[in-house]
């Protein structure tokens, strides 16, 4: 899920992380081939002369029934609705971009038998991440092709989420199903000066305009292993420099990240790349600023934000990345102040992993807490998801859970009105042998 502010990170409780591994190639299709059977029978006619008086009738050829060709893997539909495991029938999913470690005496990891063994024992973990990443690629390909000005934000969000649920095979309507797989967090559709954490609530009438710059941030998970990736869409080429600056800054962060790397050094490299760009809008030139109080973050099982952050500006943070960790490397650029604050109606929420055991005197709060635990666990959710489960008149109870410190609210994060912001994000796995940019695709 989008960014985490530095203040918010101090509130988070770790839920325990895990490790991962393997090798890569960009999504392909496995096509079975069948050999063509000859029409000729083993019995052949005698071409030699026949005895006089012998019957002249030719021998009949036996006709073989053509074998039915086995159906190959299914193809994805438009919109995407075919469960991914029905396309990749072998159960092996495409790897992301694999990058060897070169810094801090880590080059040995590529060939180390010990590290390769550690990679192999985490194959299930890795396969869950790769499957989620391929689902993300297929859903976002549909989104990028089909999202157009004139669509409502609700229509866009629901299209992305329905695709994610279909491809994971987890509709999320039965108790506990969304905890097994599906949507990793609410789809963020953040327009213009809104940088993060905006998803339409019920009744939202916002229509995407030709002039908007929209950040699309969505997550996919299987067994709590979340792929978090985001991109920015603009329909006017005048915003190209803004998108390029942020995309290249994210690529810089991905390149610099690795085992034993200090996160403060990554932030410095990201800022240097992003702020080397500027943009001209309506005859005025604006510097592109890294939003200094938004960060990347580590991801732990069943929780989109762990305890570590990855700054996108220079800092003295000496925290090191470690083997087996998973990080969302995301950067945000702005034509405004380069600083965000909470504003607008809240849509994103999550049950705290270290929620206090306090008495709840509001009946609706007690009932809602039970629904949240059984349906989402500590995965983020939004009000539309509660509506989808048939919950009604829950706002009083939800606000009571927030004020009691049991549920965390994540309101939209905005820069100054009139400014434009952009975001790009990838999930990386710090495997024992190699860094895998698991969400990498042909698009970004």
Protein backbone atom coordinates (compact mmCIF):
# COMPACT_ATOMS: atom_id res chain seq x y z
CA UNK A 1 0.00 0.00 0.00
CA UNK A 2 1.38 3.34 -0.85
CA UNK A 3 3.61 5.20 1.41
CA UNK A 4 4.22 5.22 5.08
CA UNK A 5 5.00 8.48 6.80
CA UNK A 6 7.85 8.51 9.27
CA UNK A 7 5.45 9.29 12.13
CA UNK A 8 3.20 6.37 11.26
CA UNK A 9 6.06 3.86 11.15
CA UNK A 10 6.70 4.19 14.85
CA UNK A 11 3.17 2.90 15.53
CA UNK A 12 3.57 -0.35 13.64
CA UNK A 13 4.11 -3.77 15.21
CA UNK A 14 6.04 -6.40 13.31
CA UNK A 15 4.12 -9.50 12.37
CA UNK A 16 7.11 -11.65 11.48
CA UNK A 17 8.76 -11.76 8.07
CA UNK A 18 9.91 -14.59 5.92
CA UNK A 19 12.38 -15.38 3.15
CA UNK A 20 12.30 -16.26 -0.53
CA UNK A 21 14.10 -17.53 -3.68
CA UNK A 22 14.57 -18.67 -7.32
CA UNK A 23 15.21 -17.58 -10.94
CA UNK A 24 13.44 -15.58 -13.59
CA UNK A 25 11.95 -14.97 -16.98
CA UNK A 26 9.16 -12.78 -18.17
CA UNK A 27 5.72 -14.38 -18.40
CA UNK A 28 5.34 -16.91 -21.14
CA UNK A 29 2.87 -19.52 -22.22
CA UNK A 30 3.42 -23.23 -22.29
CA UNK A 31 1.95 -24.70 -25.44
CA UNK A 32 1.67 -28.45 -25.65
CA UNK A 33 2.39 -29.97 -29.07
CA UNK A 34 0.96 -33.18 -30.46
CA UNK A 35 2.66 -35.24 -33.14
CA UNK A 36 0.68 -35.66 -36.36
CA UNK A 37 -0.38 -39.19 -37.03
CA UNK A 38 0.11 -40.58 -40.56
CA UNK A 39 -3.02 -41.53 -42.43
CA UNK A 40 -1.20 -44.52 -43.83
CA UNK A 41 -2.03 -47.88 -42.29
CA UNK A 42 0.56 -50.49 -41.45
CA UNK A 43 -1.14 -52.77 -43.99
CA UNK A 44 -0.14 -51.76 -47.50
CA UNK A 45 -1.48 -52.91 -50.82
CA UNK A 46 0.54 -55.41 -52.87
CA UNK A 47 1.64 -53.62 -56.02
CA UNK A 48 2.90 -56.86 -57.67
CA UNK A 49 1.00 -58.69 -60.40
CA UNK A 50 -2.03 -60.74 -59.39
CA UNK A 51 -2.79 -64.27 -60.48
CA UNK A 52 -5.21 -64.58 -63.37
CA UNK A 53 -8.67 -65.36 -62.07
CA UNK A 54 -7.94 -63.93 -58.66
CA UNK A 55 -10.37 -61.29 -57.40
CA UNK A 56 -9.29 -57.88 -58.58
CA UNK A 57 -10.83 -56.02 -55.65
CA UNK A 58 -8.33 -53.84 -53.81
CA UNK A 59 -7.81 -54.25 -50.11
CA UNK A 60 -9.56 -51.66 -48.00
CA UNK A 61 -7.36 -49.29 -46.01
CA UNK A 62 -8.07 -49.07 -42.31
CA UNK A 63 -8.84 -45.55 -41.24
CA UNK A 64 -7.42 -44.39 -37.96
CA UNK A 65 -9.52 -42.15 -35.85
CA UNK A 66 -7.64 -38.90 -35.34
CA UNK A 67 -6.59 -38.42 -31.76
CA UNK A 68 -8.15 -35.49 -30.02
CA UNK A 69 -5.59 -32.86 -29.28
CA UNK A 70 -5.29 -32.09 -25.64
CA UNK A 71 -6.29 -28.55 -24.80
CA UNK A 72 -3.34 -26.34 -23.99
CA UNK A 73 -3.24 -23.85 -21.15
CA UNK A 74 -6.09 -21.38 -21.03
CA UNK A 75 -5.58 -17.83 -22.22
CA UNK A 76 -6.36 -14.76 -20.16
CA UNK A 77 -9.59 -12.94 -20.92
CA UNK A 78 -10.40 -9.25 -21.20
CA UNK A 79 -11.26 -8.21 -18.53
CA UNK A 80 -9.01 -10.72 -16.72
CA UNK A 81 -11.14 -13.43 -15.10
CA UNK A 82 -9.20 -16.69 -15.60
CA UNK A 83 -7.55 -18.00 -12.45
CA UNK A 84 -3.79 -17.81 -12.97
CA UNK A 85 -3.19 -21.43 -11.94
CA UNK A 86 -5.32 -22.50 -14.92
CA UNK A 87 -2.89 -20.71 -17.24
CA UNK A 88 0.35 -21.79 -15.57
CA UNK A 89 -0.68 -25.39 -15.13
CA UNK A 90 2.79 -26.55 -14.05
CA UNK A 91 2.48 -24.51 -10.87
CA UNK A 92 5.66 -22.59 -11.69
CA UNK A 93 5.30 -18.86 -12.21
CA UNK A 94 7.51 -16.35 -14.02
CA UNK A 95 10.34 -14.85 -12.04
CA UNK A 96 10.91 -11.14 -11.81
CA UNK A 97 14.13 -9.35 -12.69
CA UNK A 98 17.04 -11.05 -10.94
CA UNK A 99 20.01 -8.84 -10.09
CA UNK A 100 23.26 -10.28 -8.67
CA UNK A 101 24.64 -8.75 -5.49
CA UNK A 102 27.83 -6.80 -6.12
CA UNK A 103 28.24 -4.52 -3.09
CA UNK A 104 29.66 -5.08 0.39
CA UNK A 105 31.47 -8.34 -0.43
CA UNK A 106 28.20 -10.05 -1.35
CA UNK A 107 29.22 -11.22 -4.85
CA UNK A 108 29.93 -14.71 -3.44
CA UNK A 109 26.22 -15.25 -2.80
CA UNK A 110 25.48 -16.00 -6.45
CA UNK A 111 27.50 -19.23 -6.43
CA UNK A 112 27.50 -20.14 -2.72
CA UNK A 113 26.06 -23.65 -2.21
CA UNK A 114 24.94 -22.69 1.29
CA UNK A 115 22.97 -19.71 -0.05
CA UNK A 116 21.52 -21.79 -2.88
CA UNK A 117 20.27 -24.29 -0.32
CA UNK A 118 18.60 -21.49 1.64
CA UNK A 119 16.97 -20.39 -1.60
CA UNK A 120 15.60 -23.86 -2.29
CA UNK A 121 14.03 -24.38 1.13
CA UNK A 122 11.95 -21.23 0.59
CA UNK A 123 10.50 -22.31 -2.77
CA UNK A 124 6.85 -22.14 -1.65
CA UNK A 125 7.36 -18.61 -0.33
CA UNK A 126 8.96 -17.59 -3.59
CA UNK A 127 6.26 -19.18 -5.72
CA UNK A 128 3.52 -17.34 -3.82
CA UNK A 129 5.30 -14.04 -4.46
CA UNK A 130 5.85 -14.82 -8.13
CA UNK A 131 2.24 -15.83 -8.64
CA UNK A 132 1.03 -12.63 -6.97
CA UNK A 133 3.43 -10.59 -9.11
CA UNK A 134 2.21 -12.17 -12.35
CA UNK A 135 -1.38 -11.45 -11.31
CA UNK A 136 -0.38 -7.85 -10.68
CA UNK A 137 1.20 -7.61 -14.15
CA UNK A 138 -1.86 -9.06 -15.90
CA UNK A 139 -4.35 -6.91 -13.99
CA UNK A 140 -2.36 -3.71 -14.48
CA UNK A 141 -1.96 -4.46 -18.19
CA UNK A 142 -5.74 -4.52 -18.42
CA UNK A 143 -5.98 -1.36 -16.30
CA UNK A 144 -3.48 0.59 -18.38
CA UNK A 145 -5.22 -0.40 -21.60
CA UNK A 146 -8.77 0.26 -20.44
CA UNK A 147 -8.67 3.18 -18.01
CA UNK A 148 -9.84 6.28 -19.84
CA UNK A 149 -11.04 9.78 -18.93
CA UNK A 150 -14.77 9.75 -18.29
CA UNK A 151 -14.65 6.65 -16.07
CA UNK A 152 -15.60 6.93 -12.41
CA UNK A 153 -12.98 6.14 -9.78
CA UNK A 154 -15.34 3.53 -8.33
CA UNK A 155 -15.57 1.77 -11.70
CA UNK A 156 -11.77 1.75 -12.02
CA UNK A 157 -11.16 0.49 -8.47
CA UNK A 158 -13.73 -2.27 -8.74
CA UNK A 159 -12.38 -3.37 -12.12
CA UNK A 160 -8.88 -3.79 -10.67
CA UNK A 161 -10.12 -5.55 -7.54
CA UNK A 162 -12.44 -7.95 -9.38
CA UNK A 163 -9.56 -8.92 -11.66
CA UNK A 164 -7.30 -9.54 -8.68
CA UNK A 165 -9.91 -11.68 -6.92
CA UNK A 166 -10.61 -13.73 -10.04
CA UNK A 167 -6.97 -14.43 -10.85
CA UNK A 168 -6.10 -15.43 -7.29
CA UNK A 169 -9.24 -17.55 -7.04
CA UNK A 170 -10.30 -15.81 -3.83
CA UNK A 171 -13.54 -13.81 -4.17
CA UNK A 172 -13.26 -12.81 -0.52
CA UNK A 173 -16.93 -13.19 0.36
CA UNK A 174 -16.62 -16.28 2.56
CA UNK A 175 -15.21 -15.97 6.04
CA UNK A 176 -11.41 -16.10 5.96
CA UNK A 177 -11.14 -16.30 2.16
CA UNK A 178 -9.50 -12.90 1.74
CA UNK A 179 -6.90 -13.87 4.35
CA UNK A 180 -5.86 -16.80 2.14
CA UNK A 181 -5.41 -14.66 -0.96
CA UNK A 182 -6.76 -11.87 -3.11
CA UNK A 183 -6.62 -8.11 -2.69
CA UNK A 184 -3.56 -7.10 -0.65
CA UNK A 185 -4.92 -3.66 0.26
CA UNK A 186 -7.48 -1.17 -1.08
CA UNK A 187 -6.83 0.18 -4.56
CA UNK A 188 -5.38 3.68 -4.31
CA UNK A 189 -6.53 6.07 -7.05
CA UNK A 190 -4.84 9.32 -6.12
CA UNK A 191 -5.48 12.36 -8.30
CA UNK A 192 -3.15 15.31 -8.79
CA UNK A 193 -2.07 16.73 -5.38
CA UNK A 194 -3.33 13.62 -3.55
CA UNK A 195 -0.25 11.43 -3.21
CA UNK A 196 -1.53 8.32 -1.43
CA UNK A 197 -4.26 6.42 0.44
CA UNK A 198 -7.30 7.65 -1.50
CA UNK A 199 -9.86 5.06 -2.55
CA UNK A 200 -13.47 5.91 -3.39
CA UNK A 201 -16.04 5.22 -0.68
CA UNK A 202 -19.64 4.31 -1.48
CA UNK A 203 -21.42 7.13 -3.31
CA UNK A 204 -18.21 8.70 -4.63
CA UNK A 205 -19.00 10.49 -7.90
CA UNK A 206 -15.47 11.49 -8.94
CA UNK A 207 -14.86 11.14 -12.68
CA UNK A 208 -11.38 10.81 -14.15
CA UNK A 209 -10.53 13.85 -16.30
CA UNK A 210 -8.14 14.28 -19.22
CA UNK A 211 -6.15 16.77 -17.13
CA UNK A 212 -5.66 14.45 -14.12
CA UNK A 213 -2.44 12.77 -13.01
CA UNK A 214 -3.53 9.53 -11.33
CA UNK A 215 -1.44 7.27 -9.15
CA UNK A 216 -2.68 3.64 -9.31
CA UNK A 217 -1.49 1.68 -6.28
CA UNK A 218 -2.78 -1.84 -5.67
CA UNK A 219 -1.63 -5.03 -4.01
CA UNK A 220 -2.02 -8.77 -4.57
CA UNK A 221 -1.37 -11.45 -1.99
CA UNK A 222 -1.35 -15.19 -1.51
CA UNK A 223 -1.01 -16.60 2.00
CA UNK A 224 -0.27 -13.11 3.28
CA UNK A 225 2.75 -12.50 1.01
CA UNK A 226 1.91 -9.14 -0.54
CA UNK A 227 3.18 -7.73 -3.83
CA UNK A 228 2.92 -3.94 -3.62
CA UNK A 229 3.44 -2.06 -6.88
CA UNK A 230 2.23 1.25 -8.27
CA UNK A 231 2.37 3.38 -11.41
CA UNK A 232 1.16 6.79 -12.57
CA UNK A 233 -1.11 7.58 -15.52
CA UNK A 234 -1.42 10.92 -17.30
CA UNK A 235 -3.25 11.66 -20.53
CA UNK A 236 -1.49 14.93 -21.37
CA UNK A 237 2.18 14.71 -22.48
CA UNK A 238 2.98 17.91 -20.59
CA UNK A 239 3.32 15.75 -17.45
CA UNK A 240 5.88 13.41 -19.02
CA UNK A 241 8.87 14.87 -17.17
CA UNK A 242 7.16 14.39 -13.81
CA UNK A 243 6.44 10.73 -14.55
CA UNK A 244 9.93 10.15 -15.92
CA UNK A 245 11.59 11.72 -12.88
CA UNK A 246 9.69 9.52 -10.43
CA UNK A 247 10.01 6.34 -12.47
CA UNK A 248 13.77 6.82 -12.76
CA UNK A 249 14.04 7.65 -9.06
CA UNK A 250 12.29 4.38 -8.22
CA UNK A 251 14.64 2.50 -10.55
CA UNK A 252 17.54 4.15 -8.76
CA UNK A 253 16.20 2.97 -5.40
CA UNK A 254 15.74 -0.56 -6.74
CA UNK A 255 19.28 -0.56 -8.12
CA UNK A 256 20.85 0.71 -4.89
CA UNK A 257 18.91 -1.62 -2.57
CA UNK A 258 20.49 -4.84 -1.36
CA UNK A 259 21.76 -6.84 1.58
CA UNK A 260 23.83 -4.73 4.03
CA UNK A 261 22.92 -1.46 2.25
CA UNK A 262 22.05 1.47 4.56
CA UNK A 263 18.62 2.90 3.82
CA UNK A 264 19.86 6.48 4.26
CA UNK A 265 22.23 5.97 1.32
CA UNK A 266 19.36 4.73 -0.83
CA UNK A 267 17.36 7.86 0.01
CA UNK A 268 20.22 10.11 -1.03
CA UNK A 269 20.54 8.38 -4.42
CA UNK A 270 16.77 8.56 -5.00
CA UNK A 271 16.65 12.28 -4.22
CA UNK A 272 19.60 13.06 -6.46
CA UNK A 273 17.94 11.32 -9.42
CA UNK A 274 14.48 12.79 -8.92
CA UNK A 275 15.52 16.36 -8.27
CA UNK A 276 17.70 16.47 -11.37
CA UNK A 277 14.43 16.94 -13.30
CA UNK A 278 12.13 19.90 -13.71
CA UNK A 279 8.85 20.42 -15.51
CA UNK A 280 7.22 23.27 -17.42
CA UNK A 281 3.49 23.67 -16.91
CA UNK A 282 1.57 26.46 -18.60
CA UNK A 283 4.69 28.51 -19.18
CA UNK A 284 6.09 28.17 -15.65
CA UNK A 285 9.00 25.92 -14.68
CA UNK A 286 8.75 23.87 -11.49
CA UNK A 287 11.46 21.82 -9.77
CA UNK A 288 10.39 18.25 -9.12
CA UNK A 289 10.77 17.58 -5.41
CA UNK A 290 10.95 14.26 -3.60
CA UNK A 291 8.15 14.20 -1.02
CA UNK A 292 10.35 14.11 2.04
CA UNK A 293 7.90 12.65 4.58
CA UNK A 294 6.87 9.67 2.45
CA UNK A 295 8.93 6.48 2.46
CA UNK A 296 9.24 3.00 1.09
CA UNK A 297 8.92 0.21 3.63
CA UNK A 298 9.52 -3.44 4.36
CA UNK A 299 6.67 -5.92 3.98
CA UNK A 300 6.02 -8.75 6.40
CA UNK A 301 3.52 -11.57 6.15
CA UNK A 302 -0.08 -10.36 6.53
CA UNK A 303 1.04 -6.77 7.06
CA UNK A 304 1.84 -4.28 4.34
CA UNK A 305 4.09 -2.18 6.58
CA UNK A 306 6.77 -3.74 8.75
CA UNK A 307 9.10 -1.82 11.03
CA UNK A 308 11.66 -0.51 8.55
CA UNK A 309 11.33 2.47 6.23
CA UNK A 310 13.27 3.45 3.11
CA UNK A 311 13.55 7.25 2.87
CA UNK A 312 13.44 8.96 -0.51
CA UNK A 313 15.61 11.87 0.55
CA UNK A 314 19.10 12.00 2.04
CA UNK A 315 19.19 11.03 5.72
CA UNK A 316 21.52 9.73 8.41
CA UNK A 317 19.47 6.55 8.87
CA UNK A 318 22.03 3.76 9.32
CA UNK A 319 19.48 0.93 9.27
CA UNK A 320 20.65 -1.90 7.01
CA UNK A 321 18.67 -4.13 4.72
CA UNK A 322 19.10 -7.80 5.59
CA UNK A 323 18.96 -11.18 3.89
CA UNK A 324 15.45 -12.55 3.52
CA UNK A 325 13.67 -9.21 3.82
CA UNK A 326 11.07 -7.90 1.38
CA UNK A 327 10.84 -4.20 0.57
CA UNK A 328 8.49 -1.94 -1.32
CA UNK A 329 10.74 0.59 -3.01
CA UNK A 330 8.46 3.51 -3.84
CA UNK A 331 9.14 7.12 -4.62
CA UNK A 332 6.91 10.18 -4.86
CA UNK A 333 7.66 13.41 -6.69
CA UNK A 334 5.75 16.68 -6.52
CA UNK A 335 5.56 20.07 -8.17
CA UNK A 336 4.38 21.47 -4.83
CA UNK A 337 6.00 21.68 -1.39
CA UNK A 338 7.30 18.13 -1.38
CA UNK A 339 5.54 17.51 1.93
CA UNK A 340 2.17 15.84 2.60
CA UNK A 341 -0.45 16.12 5.32
CA UNK A 342 -3.62 14.18 6.21
CA UNK A 343 -6.77 15.44 4.50
CA UNK A 344 -10.09 14.38 2.98
CA UNK A 345 -12.42 11.50 3.85
CA UNK A 346 -10.69 8.35 5.10
CA UNK A 347 -11.14 5.07 3.26
CA UNK A 348 -8.14 2.91 4.30
CA UNK A 349 -8.02 1.02 7.61
CA UNK A 350 -6.16 -1.93 9.14
CA UNK A 351 -6.40 -3.94 12.33
CA UNK A 352 -3.28 -3.34 14.44
CA UNK A 353 -1.11 -6.36 15.04
CA UNK A 354 -0.53 -5.21 18.62
CA UNK A 355 -4.08 -4.00 19.22
CA UNK A 356 -4.82 -3.44 22.92
CA UNK A 357 -7.39 -5.59 24.67
CA UNK A 358 -9.81 -2.91 25.77
CA UNK A 359 -13.52 -3.14 26.61
CA UNK A 360 -15.77 -1.96 23.79
CA UNK A 361 -19.02 -0.44 25.01
CA UNK A 362 -20.40 0.21 21.54
CA UNK A 363 -22.17 -2.94 20.35
CA UNK A 364 -21.59 -2.20 16.68
CA UNK A 365 -17.84 -1.89 17.39
CA UNK A 366 -17.71 -5.36 18.96
CA UNK A 367 -19.60 -6.90 16.05
CA UNK A 368 -17.50 -5.09 13.47
CA UNK A 369 -14.25 -6.13 15.13
CA UNK A 370 -15.28 -9.77 14.77
CA UNK A 371 -15.99 -9.25 11.07
CA UNK A 372 -12.65 -7.51 10.51
CA UNK A 373 -10.67 -10.25 12.26
CA UNK A 374 -12.39 -13.05 10.35
CA UNK A 375 -12.40 -11.35 6.96
CA UNK A 376 -9.14 -9.38 6.81
CA UNK A 377 -6.95 -10.18 9.80
CA UNK A 378 -4.24 -7.53 9.79
CA UNK A 379 -4.52 -6.91 6.03
CA UNK A 380 -5.71 -3.40 5.12
CA UNK A 381 -9.32 -2.92 4.06
CA UNK A 382 -11.61 -0.07 3.05
CA UNK A 383 -15.22 0.87 3.58
CA UNK A 384 -16.26 -0.52 0.19
CA UNK A 385 -15.06 -3.95 1.33
CA UNK A 386 -17.28 -3.77 4.40
CA UNK A 387 -20.20 -2.75 2.17
CA UNK A 388 -19.45 -5.74 -0.07
CA UNK A 389 -19.71 -8.08 2.94
CA UNK A 390 -23.17 -6.71 3.69
CA UNK A 391 -22.20 -4.57 6.66
CA UNK A 392 -24.52 -1.62 7.31
CA UNK A 393 -24.45 1.40 9.59
CA UNK A 394 -20.95 0.55 10.77
CA UNK A 395 -19.31 3.99 10.81
CA UNK A 396 -19.95 4.59 14.52
CA UNK A 397 -18.42 1.22 15.38
CA UNK A 398 -15.48 1.74 13.01
CA UNK A 399 -14.67 5.15 14.47
CA UNK A 400 -14.90 3.64 17.96
CA UNK A 401 -12.35 0.95 17.00
CA UNK A 402 -10.04 3.68 15.68
CA UNK A 403 -10.37 5.85 18.81
CA UNK A 404 -9.78 2.76 20.99
CA UNK A 405 -6.44 2.12 19.26
CA UNK A 406 -7.55 -1.24 17.83
CA UNK A 407 -7.82 -0.22 14.18
CA UNK A 408 -5.45 2.21 12.45
CA UNK A 409 -6.94 4.77 10.05
CA UNK A 410 -4.90 5.82 7.01
CA UNK A 411 -6.39 9.07 5.67
CA UNK A 412 -5.37 10.43 2.26
CA UNK A 413 -1.98 12.17 2.12
CA UNK A 414 -1.97 15.39 0.12
CA UNK A 415 0.43 18.10 -1.02
CA UNK A 416 -0.70 21.68 -1.60
CA UNK A 417 -3.79 21.97 -3.80
CA UNK A 418 -2.95 22.85 -7.39
CA UNK A 419 0.24 20.79 -7.37
CA UNK A 420 0.80 17.47 -9.15
CA UNK A 421 2.32 14.33 -7.68
CA UNK A 422 3.50 11.04 -9.19
CA UNK A 423 4.44 7.61 -7.81
CA UNK A 424 6.17 4.44 -9.00
CA UNK A 425 6.79 1.39 -6.84
CA UNK A 426 8.25 -2.11 -6.97
CA UNK A 427 8.47 -5.03 -4.55
CA UNK A 428 11.94 -6.55 -4.17
CA UNK A 429 12.95 -9.81 -2.51
CA UNK A 430 16.39 -9.95 -0.89
CA UNK A 431 16.93 -13.63 -1.55
CA UNK A 432 20.09 -15.31 -0.23
CA UNK A 433 21.59 -15.60 -3.72
CA UNK A 434 20.16 -12.69 -5.68
CA UNK A 435 17.95 -9.62 -5.48
CA UNK A 436 14.67 -10.24 -7.31
CA UNK A 437 12.55 -7.32 -8.47
CA UNK A 438 9.52 -9.58 -8.42
CA UNK A 439 6.99 -7.02 -9.70
CA UNK A 440 9.10 -5.91 -12.67
CA UNK A 441 7.33 -6.03 -16.03
CA UNK A 442 7.75 -4.80 -19.58
CA UNK A 443 5.84 -1.64 -18.65
CA UNK A 444 7.97 -0.38 -15.75
